[in-house]
Amino acid sequence: MLDTFSVTLGIVAFGLIGWYGMEIALKATKVREYSPGIIDVPVWMSKWIVPIGAFVFCIELLLDGAKHIKTIINPSSE
């Protein structure tokens, strides 16, 4: 049960991180944010790393949580 609770807490936490990161990435993409200099370096692309990583980790946590719930429902299958 504690594993299931921690997976749920992780999904909520990383879901919020991904959501907020996605808002920042969308704003940066909309204005095509860049770092000015001799050569303008686009920054907006790198801002997508956090939300993509957080959402992929949420998928992994969902799969892990499904295994824990399956074990709770049917403990003899392990």
C-alpha atoms as a PDB file:
ATOM      1  CA  MET A   1       0.000   0.000   0.000  1.00  0.00           C
ATOM      2  CA  LEU A   2       2.840   2.387   0.825  1.00  0.00           C
ATOM      3  CA  ASP A   3       4.382   1.810  -2.615  1.00  0.00           C
ATOM      4  CA  THR A   4       1.071   2.676  -4.262  1.00  0.00           C
ATOM      5  CA  PHE A   5       0.792   5.844  -2.167  1.00  0.00           C
ATOM      6  CA  SER A   6       4.329   6.933  -3.076  1.00  0.00           C
ATOM      7  CA  VAL A   7       3.692   6.273  -6.771  1.00  0.00           C
ATOM      8  CA  THR A   8       0.513   8.363  -6.593  1.00  0.00           C
ATOM      9  CA  LEU A   9       2.348  11.175  -4.838  1.00  0.00           C
ATOM     10  CA  GLY A  10       5.087  11.015  -7.481  1.00  0.00           C
ATOM     11  CA  ILE A  11       2.561  11.193 -10.304  1.00  0.00           C
ATOM     12  CA  VAL A  12       0.965  14.275  -8.771  1.00  0.00           C
ATOM     13  CA  ALA A  13       4.302  15.997  -8.097  1.00  0.00           C
ATOM     14  CA  PHE A  14       5.872  15.288 -11.486  1.00  0.00           C
ATOM     15  CA  GLY A  15       2.574  15.979 -13.236  1.00  0.00           C
ATOM     16  CA  LEU A  16       2.581  19.467 -11.734  1.00  0.00           C
ATOM     17  CA  ILE A  17       6.236  19.966 -12.667  1.00  0.00           C
ATOM     18  CA  GLY A  18       5.452  18.878 -16.220  1.00  0.00           C
ATOM     19  CA  TRP A  19       2.368  21.089 -16.423  1.00  0.00           C
ATOM     20  CA  TYR A  20       4.180  24.204 -15.206  1.00  0.00           C
ATOM     21  CA  GLY A  21       7.178  23.423 -17.415  1.00  0.00           C
ATOM     22  CA  MET A  22       4.873  23.020 -20.397  1.00  0.00           C
ATOM     23  CA  GLU A  23       3.362  26.457 -19.764  1.00  0.00           C
ATOM     24  CA  ILE A  24       6.838  28.012 -19.733  1.00  0.00           C
ATOM     25  CA  ALA A  25       7.889  26.073 -22.849  1.00  0.00           C
ATOM     26  CA  LEU A  26       4.749  27.110 -24.729  1.00  0.00           C
ATOM     27  CA  LYS A  27       5.353  30.787 -23.927  1.00  0.00           C
ATOM     28  CA  ALA A  28       9.006  30.516 -24.989  1.00  0.00           C
ATOM     29  CA  THR A  29       8.015  28.733 -28.204  1.00  0.00           C
ATOM     30  CA  LYS A  30       5.371  31.317 -29.010  1.00  0.00           C
ATOM     31  CA  VAL A  31       7.905  34.172 -28.945  1.00  0.00           C
ATOM     32  CA  ARG A  32      10.773  32.009 -30.301  1.00  0.00           C
ATOM     33  CA  GLU A  33      12.936  32.919 -27.296  1.00  0.00           C
ATOM     34  CA  TYR A  34      16.660  33.136 -27.986  1.00  0.00           C
ATOM     35  CA  SER A  35      19.880  34.215 -26.294  1.00  0.00           C
ATOM     36  CA  PRO A  36      21.236  37.268 -28.118  1.00  0.00           C
ATOM     37  CA  GLY A  37      24.877  37.489 -29.053  1.00  0.00           C
ATOM     38  CA  ILE A  38      27.149  37.381 -32.069  1.00  0.00           C
ATOM     39  CA  ILE A  39      25.164  34.304 -33.059  1.00  0.00           C
ATOM     40  CA  ASP A  40      21.595  34.169 -31.751  1.00  0.00           C
ATOM     41  CA  VAL A  41      21.132  30.856 -29.935  1.00  0.00           C
ATOM     42  CA  PRO A  42      17.548  29.561 -29.708  1.00  0.00           C
ATOM     43  CA  VAL A  43      16.584  28.782 -26.119  1.00  0.00           C
ATOM     44  CA  TRP A  44      12.968  27.802 -26.610  1.00  0.00           C
ATOM     45  CA  MET A  45      13.810  24.269 -27.772  1.00  0.00           C
ATOM     46  CA  SER A  46      15.689  23.400 -24.586  1.00  0.00           C
ATOM     47  CA  LYS A  47      12.745  24.465 -22.424  1.00  0.00           C
ATOM     48  CA  TRP A  48      10.814  21.426 -23.665  1.00  0.00           C
ATOM     49  CA  ILE A  49      13.192  18.980 -21.956  1.00  0.00           C
ATOM     50  CA  VAL A  50      11.667  19.391 -18.477  1.00  0.00           C
ATOM     51  CA  PRO A  51       7.988  18.834 -19.381  1.00  0.00           C
ATOM     52  CA  ILE A  52       8.748  15.949 -21.730  1.00  0.00           C
ATOM     53  CA  GLY A  53      10.925  14.250 -19.115  1.00  0.00           C
ATOM     54  CA  ALA A  54       8.368  14.813 -16.348  1.00  0.00           C
ATOM     55  CA  PHE A  55       5.516  13.400 -18.422  1.00  0.00           C
ATOM     56  CA  VAL A  56       7.548  10.370 -19.499  1.00  0.00           C
ATOM     57  CA  PHE A  57       8.399   9.743 -15.854  1.00  0.00           C
ATOM     58  CA  CYS A  58       4.679   9.987 -15.014  1.00  0.00           C
ATOM     59  CA  ILE A  59       3.986   7.271 -17.584  1.00  0.00           C
ATOM     60  CA  GLU A  60       6.656   5.096 -15.977  1.00  0.00           C
ATOM     61  CA  LEU A  61       5.127   5.716 -12.550  1.00  0.00           C
ATOM     62  CA  LEU A  62       1.676   4.797 -13.895  1.00  0.00           C
ATOM     63  CA  LEU A  63       3.017   1.484 -15.192  1.00  0.00           C
ATOM     64  CA  ASP A  64       4.766   0.837 -11.874  1.00  0.00           C
ATOM     65  CA  GLY A  65       1.602   1.747  -9.979  1.00  0.00           C
ATOM     66  CA  ALA A  66      -0.427  -0.653 -12.109  1.00  0.00           C
ATOM     67  CA  LYS A  67       1.946  -3.457 -11.102  1.00  0.00           C
ATOM     68  CA  HIS A  68       1.554  -2.559  -7.424  1.00  0.00           C
ATOM     69  CA  ILE A  69      -2.239  -2.470  -7.684  1.00  0.00           C
ATOM     70  CA  LYS A  70      -2.231  -5.810  -9.516  1.00  0.00           C
ATOM     71  CA  THR A  71      -0.160  -7.277  -6.666  1.00  0.00           C
ATOM     72  CA  ILE A  72      -2.569  -5.862  -4.055  1.00  0.00           C
ATOM     73  CA  ILE A  73      -5.611  -7.264  -5.865  1.00  0.00           C
ATOM     74  CA  ASN A  74      -4.099 -10.660  -6.607  1.00  0.00           C
ATOM     75  CA  PRO A  75      -1.152 -11.333  -4.252  1.00  0.00           C
ATOM     76  CA  SER A  76      -0.730 -14.976  -5.361  1.00  0.00           C
ATOM     77  CA  SER A  77       0.330 -13.979  -8.901  1.00  0.00           C
ATOM     78  CA  GLU A  78       3.752 -12.784  -7.760  1.00  0.00           C
END
